Structures are given as structure tokens and as C-alpha cells.
Amino acid sequence: GPPIYPKWVFYYYATHLRWVADPSFVFDITGLVERKIASIRAYETQFVIPEKNRGIVEWLEASARYFGSRIGTPAGEPFFTKEPVGLVNLSALA
């Protein structure tokens, strides 16, 4: 069949990058951080057992606080786009 092209491509902040990101937008994830951390800890062979990866949980919590502070919430999750996101009105930003 004909190729299918996505309308949007949103990029997630890669945790292995050690740079301070300037995201295109940040989702408020207040109230979801514990669930996110629990899901990371479920992969204990990747994130708990290897000593070099044990700091990931603390890093993710700190990252969530940092990006949340940028939008005035306790926790945030950054995303990126390579193209501008169009809005019909500003109420979408509330």
C-alpha cells in the first residue's frame, strides 16, 4: 500500500544524555512520578542490579522536579519536536 506518514513526531528526552535540554513542551506529570519510578524499578536487572545504573532513579526524580519547575508544577516530562506545533487558540496551553 501507499506509505503512511505520521502527522507529528515527538521525541522523548533520552536519559543517557548529560546536557540540560531546552524542550519544545513539558507535560505536567505531578502525581505520576511514583508510577514512573515503579515501572523503572520493575526492570531491576537493568536499573537496580548493575551498580553503574543505580543512580538512574534519583536522576529521573531530579529531572522531573527540574522540568516541573520550568512550568510551575512539582514534576514535568520534556518532549521535543523538530517542527513548530500549530495551535488554534491559546486555551490549548492552559
PDB file of N, CA and C in Angstrom:
ATOM      1  N   GLY A   1       0.802  -1.178   0.000  1.00  0.00           N
ATOM      2  CA  GLY A   1       0.000   0.000   0.000  1.00  0.00           C
ATOM      3  C   GLY A   1       0.853   1.254   0.000  1.00  0.00           C
ATOM      4  N   PRO A   2       0.224   2.385  -0.026  1.00  0.00           N
ATOM      5  CA  PRO A   2       0.953   3.657  -0.025  1.00  0.00           C
ATOM      6  C   PRO A   2       1.605   3.901   1.341  1.00  0.00           C
ATOM      7  N   PRO A   3       2.688   4.654   1.352  1.00  0.00           N
ATOM      8  CA  PRO A   3       3.345   4.948   2.634  1.00  0.00           C
ATOM      9  C   PRO A   3       2.437   5.766   3.546  1.00  0.00           C
ATOM     10  N   ILE A   4       2.605   5.549   4.822  1.00  0.00           N
ATOM     11  CA  ILE A   4       1.851   6.296   5.834  1.00  0.00           C
ATOM     12  C   ILE A   4       2.844   7.180   6.583  1.00  0.00           C
ATOM     13  N   TYR A   5       2.550   8.449   6.638  1.00  0.00           N
ATOM     14  CA  TYR A   5       3.429   9.395   7.316  1.00  0.00           C
ATOM     15  C   TYR A   5       2.726   9.931   8.556  1.00  0.00           C
ATOM     16  N   PRO A   6       3.423   9.943   9.688  1.00  0.00           N
ATOM     17  CA  PRO A   6       2.794  10.487  10.895  1.00  0.00           C
ATOM     18  C   PRO A   6       2.632  11.997  10.772  1.00  0.00           C
ATOM     19  N   LYS A   7       1.568  12.513  11.361  1.00  0.00           N
ATOM     20  CA  LYS A   7       1.341  13.954  11.344  1.00  0.00           C
ATOM     21  C   LYS A   7       2.391  14.660  12.202  1.00  0.00           C
ATOM     22  N   TRP A   8       2.735  14.052  13.323  1.00  0.00           N
ATOM     23  CA  TRP A   8       3.705  14.629  14.248  1.00  0.00           C
ATOM     24  C   TRP A   8       4.685  13.558  14.703  1.00  0.00           C
ATOM     25  N   VAL A   9       5.903  13.986  14.985  1.00  0.00           N
ATOM     26  CA  VAL A   9       6.886  13.126  15.640  1.00  0.00           C
ATOM     27  C   VAL A   9       7.363  13.887  16.869  1.00  0.00           C
ATOM     28  N   PHE A  10       7.147  13.293  18.029  1.00  0.00           N
ATOM     29  CA  PHE A  10       7.590  13.886  19.286  1.00  0.00           C
ATOM     30  C   PHE A  10       8.721  13.035  19.843  1.00  0.00           C
ATOM     31  N   TYR A  11       9.772  13.688  20.263  1.00  0.00           N
ATOM     32  CA  TYR A  11      10.948  12.998  20.780  1.00  0.00           C
ATOM     33  C   TYR A  11      10.971  13.074  22.302  1.00  0.00           C
ATOM     34  N   TYR A  12      11.289  11.945  22.905  1.00  0.00           N
ATOM     35  CA  TYR A  12      11.395  11.851  24.358  1.00  0.00           C
ATOM     36  C   TYR A  12      12.817  12.190  24.768  1.00  0.00           C
ATOM     37  N   TYR A  13      12.969  12.747  25.942  1.00  0.00           N
ATOM     38  CA  TYR A  13      14.276  13.118  26.479  1.00  0.00           C
ATOM     39  C   TYR A  13      15.043  11.862  26.867  1.00  0.00           C
ATOM     40  N   ALA A  14      16.138  11.582  26.189  1.00  0.00           N
ATOM     41  CA  ALA A  14      16.941  10.391  26.467  1.00  0.00           C
ATOM     42  C   ALA A  14      17.725  10.572  27.763  1.00  0.00           C
ATOM     43  N   THR A  15      17.563   9.647  28.677  1.00  0.00           N
ATOM     44  CA  THR A  15      18.189   9.780  29.993  1.00  0.00           C
ATOM     45  C   THR A  15      19.696   9.608  29.961  1.00  0.00           C
ATOM     46  N   HIS A  16      20.245   9.038  28.911  1.00  0.00           N
ATOM     47  CA  HIS A  16      21.695   8.856  28.864  1.00  0.00           C
ATOM     48  C   HIS A  16      22.426  10.126  28.421  1.00  0.00           C
ATOM     49  N   LEU A  17      21.701  11.116  27.944  1.00  0.00           N
ATOM     50  CA  LEU A  17      22.329  12.370  27.543  1.00  0.00           C
ATOM     51  C   LEU A  17      22.603  13.224  28.772  1.00  0.00           C
ATOM     52  N   ARG A  18      23.777  13.803  28.837  1.00  0.00           N
ATOM     53  CA  ARG A  18      24.156  14.607  30.000  1.00  0.00           C
ATOM     54  C   ARG A  18      24.197  16.087  29.642  1.00  0.00           C
ATOM     55  N   TRP A  19      23.112  16.580  29.095  1.00  0.00           N
ATOM     56  CA  TRP A  19      23.020  18.001  28.768  1.00  0.00           C
ATOM     57  C   TRP A  19      21.690  18.535  29.271  1.00  0.00           C
ATOM     58  N   VAL A  20      21.668  19.804  29.548  1.00  0.00           N
ATOM     59  CA  VAL A  20      20.434  20.433  30.010  1.00  0.00           C
ATOM     60  C   VAL A  20      19.613  20.775  28.777  1.00  0.00           C
ATOM     61  N   ALA A  21      18.498  20.121  28.655  1.00  0.00           N
ATOM     62  CA  ALA A  21      17.669  20.239  27.462  1.00  0.00           C
ATOM     63  C   ALA A  21      16.807  21.495  27.490  1.00  0.00           C
ATOM     64  N   ASP A  22      16.498  21.997  26.324  1.00  0.00           N
ATOM     65  CA  ASP A  22      15.540  23.081  26.162  1.00  0.00           C
ATOM     66  C   ASP A  22      14.361  22.502  25.383  1.00  0.00           C
ATOM     67  N   PRO A  23      13.388  21.916  26.093  1.00  0.00           N
ATOM     68  CA  PRO A  23      12.325  21.170  25.423  1.00  0.00           C
ATOM     69  C   PRO A  23      11.364  22.057  24.644  1.00  0.00           C
ATOM     70  N   SER A  24      10.691  21.435  23.687  1.00  0.00           N
ATOM     71  CA  SER A  24       9.641  22.115  22.930  1.00  0.00           C
ATOM     72  C   SER A  24       8.406  22.306  23.793  1.00  0.00           C
ATOM     73  N   PHE A  25       8.100  21.306  24.614  1.00  0.00           N
ATOM     74  CA  PHE A  25       6.999  21.411  25.573  1.00  0.00           C
ATOM     75  C   PHE A  25       7.239  20.435  26.713  1.00  0.00           C
ATOM     76  N   VAL A  26       6.590  20.705  27.831  1.00  0.00           N
ATOM     77  CA  VAL A  26       6.738  19.880  29.035  1.00  0.00           C
ATOM     78  C   VAL A  26       5.352  19.500  29.530  1.00  0.00           C
ATOM     79  N   PHE A  27       5.133  18.195  29.720  1.00  0.00           N
ATOM     80  CA  PHE A  27       3.884  17.710  30.301  1.00  0.00           C
ATOM     81  C   PHE A  27       3.983  17.741  31.813  1.00  0.00           C
ATOM     82  N   ASP A  28       2.928  18.160  32.462  1.00  0.00           N
ATOM     83  CA  ASP A  28       2.828  18.077  33.918  1.00  0.00           C
ATOM     84  C   ASP A  28       2.595  16.609  34.280  1.00  0.00           C
ATOM     85  N   ILE A  29       3.555  16.002  34.989  1.00  0.00           N
ATOM     86  CA  ILE A  29       3.401  14.605  35.412  1.00  0.00           C
ATOM     87  C   ILE A  29       3.277  14.498  36.928  1.00  0.00           C
ATOM     88  N   THR A  30       2.876  15.582  37.564  1.00  0.00           N
ATOM     89  CA  THR A  30       2.656  15.561  39.001  1.00  0.00           C
ATOM     90  C   THR A  30       1.673  14.442  39.332  1.00  0.00           C
ATOM     91  N   GLY A  31       2.000  13.646  40.302  1.00  0.00           N
ATOM     92  CA  GLY A  31       1.145  12.527  40.686  1.00  0.00           C
ATOM     93  C   GLY A  31       1.447  11.246  39.931  1.00  0.00           C
ATOM     94  N   LEU A  32       2.301  11.319  38.930  1.00  0.00           N
ATOM     95  CA  LEU A  32       2.650  10.129  38.150  1.00  0.00           C
ATOM     96  C   LEU A  32       4.096   9.690  38.335  1.00  0.00           C
ATOM     97  N   VAL A  33       4.881  10.483  39.051  1.00  0.00           N
ATOM     98  CA  VAL A  33       6.304  10.177  39.206  1.00  0.00           C
ATOM     99  C   VAL A  33       6.499   8.838  39.907  1.00  0.00           C
ATOM    100  N   GLU A  34       5.735   8.568  40.954  1.00  0.00           N
ATOM    101  CA  GLU A  34       5.882   7.309  41.683  1.00  0.00           C
ATOM    102  C   GLU A  34       5.609   6.120  40.767  1.00  0.00           C
ATOM    103  N   ARG A  35       4.613   6.244  39.923  1.00  0.00           N
ATOM    104  CA  ARG A  35       4.283   5.176  38.970  1.00  0.00           C
ATOM    105  C   ARG A  35       5.419   4.977  37.963  1.00  0.00           C
ATOM    106  N   LYS A  36       5.991   6.078  37.495  1.00  0.00           N
ATOM    107  CA  LYS A  36       7.111   6.003  36.559  1.00  0.00           C
ATOM    108  C   LYS A  36       8.302   5.310  37.212  1.00  0.00           C
ATOM    109  N   ILE A  37       8.622   5.702  38.443  1.00  0.00           N
ATOM    110  CA  ILE A  37       9.753   5.107  39.158  1.00  0.00           C
ATOM    111  C   ILE A  37       9.503   3.624  39.411  1.00  0.00           C
ATOM    112  N   ALA A  38       8.292   3.261  39.774  1.00  0.00           N
ATOM    113  CA  ALA A  38       7.961   1.846  39.997  1.00  0.00           C
ATOM    114  C   ALA A  38       8.154   1.042  38.714  1.00  0.00           C
ATOM    115  N   SER A  39       7.797   1.623  37.584  1.00  0.00           N
ATOM    116  CA  SER A  39       7.972   0.901  36.319  1.00  0.00           C
ATOM    117  C   SER A  39       9.452   0.728  35.988  1.00  0.00           C
ATOM    118  N   ILE A  40      10.269   1.716  36.324  1.00  0.00           N
ATOM    119  CA  ILE A  40      11.717   1.596  36.113  1.00  0.00           C
ATOM    120  C   ILE A  40      12.287   0.509  37.020  1.00  0.00           C
ATOM    121  N   ARG A  41      11.879   0.508  38.269  1.00  0.00           N
ATOM    122  CA  ARG A  41      12.384  -0.498  39.221  1.00  0.00           C
ATOM    123  C   ARG A  41      11.944  -1.911  38.857  1.00  0.00           C
ATOM    124  N   ALA A  42      10.885  -2.056  38.080  1.00  0.00           N
ATOM    125  CA  ALA A  42      10.446  -3.384  37.634  1.00  0.00           C
ATOM    126  C   ALA A  42      11.499  -4.035  36.734  1.00  0.00           C
ATOM    127  N   TYR A  43      12.332  -3.223  36.122  1.00  0.00           N
ATOM    128  CA  TYR A  43      13.422  -3.730  35.285  1.00  0.00           C
ATOM    129  C   TYR A  43      14.707  -3.782  36.106  1.00  0.00           C
ATOM    130  N   GLU A  44      14.660  -4.505  37.200  1.00  0.00           N
ATOM    131  CA  GLU A  44      15.765  -4.482  38.158  1.00  0.00           C
ATOM    132  C   GLU A  44      17.072  -4.984  37.568  1.00  0.00           C
ATOM    133  N   THR A  45      17.032  -5.892  36.605  1.00  0.00           N
ATOM    134  CA  THR A  45      18.286  -6.372  36.009  1.00  0.00           C
ATOM    135  C   THR A  45      18.988  -5.282  35.204  1.00  0.00           C
ATOM    136  N   GLN A  46      18.258  -4.251  34.805  1.00  0.00           N
ATOM    137  CA  GLN A  46      18.862  -3.148  34.061  1.00  0.00           C
ATOM    138  C   GLN A  46      19.169  -1.944  34.939  1.00  0.00           C
ATOM    139  N   PHE A  47      18.313  -1.675  35.924  1.00  0.00           N
ATOM    140  CA  PHE A  47      18.426  -0.417  36.663  1.00  0.00           C
ATOM    141  C   PHE A  47      18.705  -0.553  38.149  1.00  0.00           C
ATOM    142  N   VAL A  48      18.625  -1.739  38.710  1.00  0.00           N
ATOM    143  CA  VAL A  48      18.842  -1.898  40.145  1.00  0.00           C
ATOM    144  C   VAL A  48      20.094  -2.716  40.414  1.00  0.00           C
ATOM    145  N   ILE A  49      20.222  -3.844  39.741  1.00  0.00           N
ATOM    146  CA  ILE A  49      21.352  -4.738  39.993  1.00  0.00           C
ATOM    147  C   ILE A  49      22.682  -4.151  39.510  1.00  0.00           C
ATOM    148  N   PRO A  50      22.793  -3.649  38.269  1.00  0.00           N
ATOM    149  CA  PRO A  50      24.088  -3.094  37.850  1.00  0.00           C
ATOM    150  C   PRO A  50      24.417  -1.826  38.649  1.00  0.00           C
ATOM    151  N   GLU A  51      25.543  -1.849  39.321  1.00  0.00           N
ATOM    152  CA  GLU A  51      25.927  -0.707  40.162  1.00  0.00           C
ATOM    153  C   GLU A  51      25.990   0.598  39.374  1.00  0.00           C
ATOM    154  N   LYS A  52      26.446   0.534  38.129  1.00  0.00           N
ATOM    155  CA  LYS A  52      26.590   1.764  37.335  1.00  0.00           C
ATOM    156  C   LYS A  52      25.255   2.427  37.012  1.00  0.00           C
ATOM    157  N   ASN A  53      24.144   1.687  37.103  1.00  0.00           N
ATOM    158  CA  ASN A  53      22.827   2.241  36.769  1.00  0.00           C
ATOM    159  C   ASN A  53      21.965   2.561  37.982  1.00  0.00           C
ATOM    160  N   ARG A  54      22.476   2.365  39.172  1.00  0.00           N
ATOM    161  CA  ARG A  54      21.650   2.551  40.368  1.00  0.00           C
ATOM    162  C   ARG A  54      21.214   3.995  40.579  1.00  0.00           C
ATOM    163  N   GLY A  55      21.952   4.937  40.079  1.00  0.00           N
ATOM    164  CA  GLY A  55      21.600   6.340  40.265  1.00  0.00           C
ATOM    165  C   GLY A  55      20.494   6.836  39.348  1.00  0.00           C
ATOM    166  N   ILE A  56      20.017   5.993  38.451  1.00  0.00           N
ATOM    167  CA  ILE A  56      19.020   6.438  37.470  1.00  0.00           C
ATOM    168  C   ILE A  56      17.727   6.900  38.129  1.00  0.00           C
ATOM    169  N   VAL A  57      17.317   6.232  39.198  1.00  0.00           N
ATOM    170  CA  VAL A  57      16.064   6.611  39.864  1.00  0.00           C
ATOM    171  C   VAL A  57      16.176   8.019  40.433  1.00  0.00           C
ATOM    172  N   GLU A  58      17.267   8.300  41.127  1.00  0.00           N
ATOM    173  CA  GLU A  58      17.460   9.639  41.683  1.00  0.00           C
ATOM    174  C   GLU A  58      17.560  10.674  40.572  1.00  0.00           C
ATOM    175  N   TRP A  59      18.234  10.320  39.479  1.00  0.00           N
ATOM    176  CA  TRP A  59      18.369  11.243  38.360  1.00  0.00           C
ATOM    177  C   TRP A  59      17.006  11.542  37.741  1.00  0.00           C
ATOM    178  N   LEU A  60      16.175  10.516  37.564  1.00  0.00           N
ATOM    179  CA  LEU A  60      14.840  10.716  36.991  1.00  0.00           C
ATOM    180  C   LEU A  60      13.967  11.585  37.890  1.00  0.00           C
ATOM    181  N   GLU A  61      14.060  11.372  39.195  1.00  0.00           N
ATOM    182  CA  GLU A  61      13.283  12.196  40.129  1.00  0.00           C
ATOM    183  C   GLU A  61      13.742  13.648  40.075  1.00  0.00           C
ATOM    184  N   ALA A  62      15.060  13.858  40.051  1.00  0.00           N
ATOM    185  CA  ALA A  62      15.594  15.219  39.973  1.00  0.00           C
ATOM    186  C   ALA A  62      15.214  15.877  38.647  1.00  0.00           C
ATOM    187  N   SER A  63      15.276  15.116  37.566  1.00  0.00           N
ATOM    188  CA  SER A  63      14.905  15.635  36.252  1.00  0.00           C
ATOM    189  C   SER A  63      13.436  16.049  36.226  1.00  0.00           C
ATOM    190  N   ALA A  64      12.577  15.220  36.799  1.00  0.00           N
ATOM    191  CA  ALA A  64      11.142  15.543  36.850  1.00  0.00           C
ATOM    192  C   ALA A  64      10.908  16.826  37.644  1.00  0.00           C
ATOM    193  N   ARG A  65      11.631  16.986  38.758  1.00  0.00           N
ATOM    194  CA  ARG A  65      11.488  18.219  39.552  1.00  0.00           C
ATOM    195  C   ARG A  65      11.976  19.432  38.766  1.00  0.00           C
ATOM    196  N   TYR A  66      13.116  19.281  38.093  1.00  0.00           N
ATOM    197  CA  TYR A  66      13.669  20.393  37.324  1.00  0.00           C
ATOM    198  C   TYR A  66      12.704  20.836  36.220  1.00  0.00           C
ATOM    199  N   PHE A  67      12.251  19.895  35.404  1.00  0.00           N
ATOM    200  CA  PHE A  67      11.365  20.268  34.298  1.00  0.00           C
ATOM    201  C   PHE A  67      10.005  20.725  34.800  1.00  0.00           C
ATOM    202  N   GLY A  68       9.554  20.182  35.911  1.00  0.00           N
ATOM    203  CA  GLY A  68       8.328  20.685  36.526  1.00  0.00           C
ATOM    204  C   GLY A  68       8.486  22.134  36.957  1.00  0.00           C
ATOM    205  N   SER A  69       9.652  22.455  37.515  1.00  0.00           N
ATOM    206  CA  SER A  69       9.886  23.835  37.962  1.00  0.00           C
ATOM    207  C   SER A  69       9.843  24.813  36.797  1.00  0.00           C
ATOM    208  N   ARG A  70      10.163  24.348  35.620  1.00  0.00           N
ATOM    209  CA  ARG A  70      10.152  25.220  34.441  1.00  0.00           C
ATOM    210  C   ARG A  70       8.748  25.561  33.978  1.00  0.00           C
ATOM    211  N   ILE A  71       7.748  24.758  34.409  1.00  0.00           N
ATOM    212  CA  ILE A  71       6.359  25.055  34.031  1.00  0.00           C
ATOM    213  C   ILE A  71       5.491  25.340  35.254  1.00  0.00           C
ATOM    214  N   GLY A  72       6.126  25.480  36.421  1.00  0.00           N
ATOM    215  CA  GLY A  72       5.381  25.838  37.628  1.00  0.00           C
ATOM    216  C   GLY A  72       4.623  24.691  38.260  1.00  0.00           C
ATOM    217  N   THR A  73       5.096  23.460  38.076  1.00  0.00           N
ATOM    218  CA  THR A  73       4.466  22.288  38.683  1.00  0.00           C
ATOM    219  C   THR A  73       5.528  21.486  39.433  1.00  0.00           C
ATOM    220  N   PRO A  74       5.119  20.576  40.313  1.00  0.00           N
ATOM    221  CA  PRO A  74       6.109  19.769  41.039  1.00  0.00           C
ATOM    222  C   PRO A  74       6.921  18.821  40.152  1.00  0.00           C
ATOM    223  N   ALA A  75       6.362  18.365  39.028  1.00  0.00           N
ATOM    224  CA  ALA A  75       7.078  17.417  38.169  1.00  0.00           C
ATOM    225  C   ALA A  75       6.681  17.622  36.716  1.00  0.00           C
ATOM    226  N   GLY A  76       7.649  17.431  35.826  1.00  0.00           N
ATOM    227  CA  GLY A  76       7.380  17.584  34.399  1.00  0.00           C
ATOM    228  C   GLY A  76       8.188  16.614  33.565  1.00  0.00           C
ATOM    229  N   GLU A  77       7.691  16.335  32.376  1.00  0.00           N
ATOM    230  CA  GLU A  77       8.344  15.420  31.426  1.00  0.00           C
ATOM    231  C   GLU A  77       8.566  16.168  30.121  1.00  0.00           C
ATOM    232  N   PRO A  78       9.835  16.355  29.704  1.00  0.00           N
ATOM    233  CA  PRO A  78      10.120  17.135  28.499  1.00  0.00           C
ATOM    234  C   PRO A  78       9.968  16.329  27.213  1.00  0.00           C
ATOM    235  N   PHE A  79       9.528  17.010  26.164  1.00  0.00           N
ATOM    236  CA  PHE A  79       9.439  16.433  24.827  1.00  0.00           C
ATOM    237  C   PHE A  79       9.935  17.458  23.821  1.00  0.00           C
ATOM    238  N   PHE A  80      10.278  16.979  22.641  1.00  0.00           N
ATOM    239  CA  PHE A  80      10.869  17.822  21.611  1.00  0.00           C
ATOM    240  C   PHE A  80      10.195  17.576  20.269  1.00  0.00           C
ATOM    241  N   THR A  81      10.166  18.609  19.459  1.00  0.00           N
ATOM    242  CA  THR A  81       9.715  18.490  18.076  1.00  0.00           C
ATOM    243  C   THR A  81      10.744  19.181  17.191  1.00  0.00           C
ATOM    244  N   LYS A  82      10.815  18.756  15.964  1.00  0.00           N
ATOM    245  CA  LYS A  82      11.699  19.423  15.008  1.00  0.00           C
ATOM    246  C   LYS A  82      10.944  20.460  14.192  1.00  0.00           C
ATOM    247  N   GLU A  83       9.613  20.432  14.318  1.00  0.00           N
ATOM    248  CA  GLU A  83       8.767  21.360  13.576  1.00  0.00           C
ATOM    249  C   GLU A  83       7.898  22.137  14.558  1.00  0.00           C
ATOM    250  N   PRO A  84       7.445  23.323  14.181  1.00  0.00           N
ATOM    251  CA  PRO A  84       6.546  24.063  15.059  1.00  0.00           C
ATOM    252  C   PRO A  84       5.222  23.323  15.236  1.00  0.00           C
ATOM    253  N   VAL A  85       4.671  23.432  16.416  1.00  0.00           N
ATOM    254  CA  VAL A  85       3.358  22.861  16.711  1.00  0.00           C
ATOM    255  C   VAL A  85       2.336  23.973  16.539  1.00  0.00           C
ATOM    256  N   GLY A  86       1.356  23.767  15.683  1.00  0.00           N
ATOM    257  CA  GLY A  86       0.337  24.785  15.438  1.00  0.00           C
ATOM    258  C   GLY A  86      -0.786  24.723  16.458  1.00  0.00           C
ATOM    259  N   LEU A  87      -1.277  25.879  16.852  1.00  0.00           N
ATOM    260  CA  LEU A  87      -2.392  25.982  17.791  1.00  0.00           C
ATOM    261  C   LEU A  87      -3.534  26.748  17.144  1.00  0.00           C
ATOM    262  N   VAL A  88      -4.746  26.360  17.479  1.00  0.00           N
ATOM    263  CA  VAL A  88      -5.921  27.081  17.001  1.00  0.00           C
ATOM    264  C   VAL A  88      -6.218  28.256  17.925  1.00  0.00           C
ATOM    265  N   ASN A  89      -5.990  28.059  19.228  1.00  0.00           N
ATOM    266  CA  ASN A  89      -6.174  29.134  20.203  1.00  0.00           C
ATOM    267  C   ASN A  89      -5.280  28.869  21.404  1.00  0.00           C
ATOM    268  N   LEU A  90      -5.152  29.856  22.265  1.00  0.00           N
ATOM    269  CA  LEU A  90      -4.256  29.735  23.413  1.00  0.00           C
ATOM    270  C   LEU A  90      -4.823  28.894  24.543  1.00  0.00           C
ATOM    271  N   SER A  91      -6.112  28.570  24.508  1.00  0.00           N
ATOM    272  CA  SER A  91      -6.681  27.752  25.580  1.00  0.00           C
ATOM    273  C   SER A  91      -6.056  26.359  25.599  1.00  0.00           C
ATOM    274  N   ALA A  92      -5.483  25.922  24.497  1.00  0.00           N
ATOM    275  CA  ALA A  92      -4.794  24.633  24.459  1.00  0.00           C
ATOM    276  C   ALA A  92      -3.548  24.641  25.338  1.00  0.00           C
ATOM    277  N   LEU A  93      -3.068  25.816  25.694  1.00  0.00           N
ATOM    278  CA  LEU A  93      -1.870  25.931  26.524  1.00  0.00           C
ATOM    279  C   LEU A  93      -2.181  25.983  28.012  1.00  0.00           C
ATOM    280  N   ALA A  94      -3.443  25.967  28.377  1.00  0.00           N
ATOM    281  CA  ALA A  94      -3.823  26.087  29.788  1.00  0.00           C
ATOM    282  C   ALA A  94      -3.481  24.847  30.569  1.00  0.00           C
TER     283      ALA A  94
END
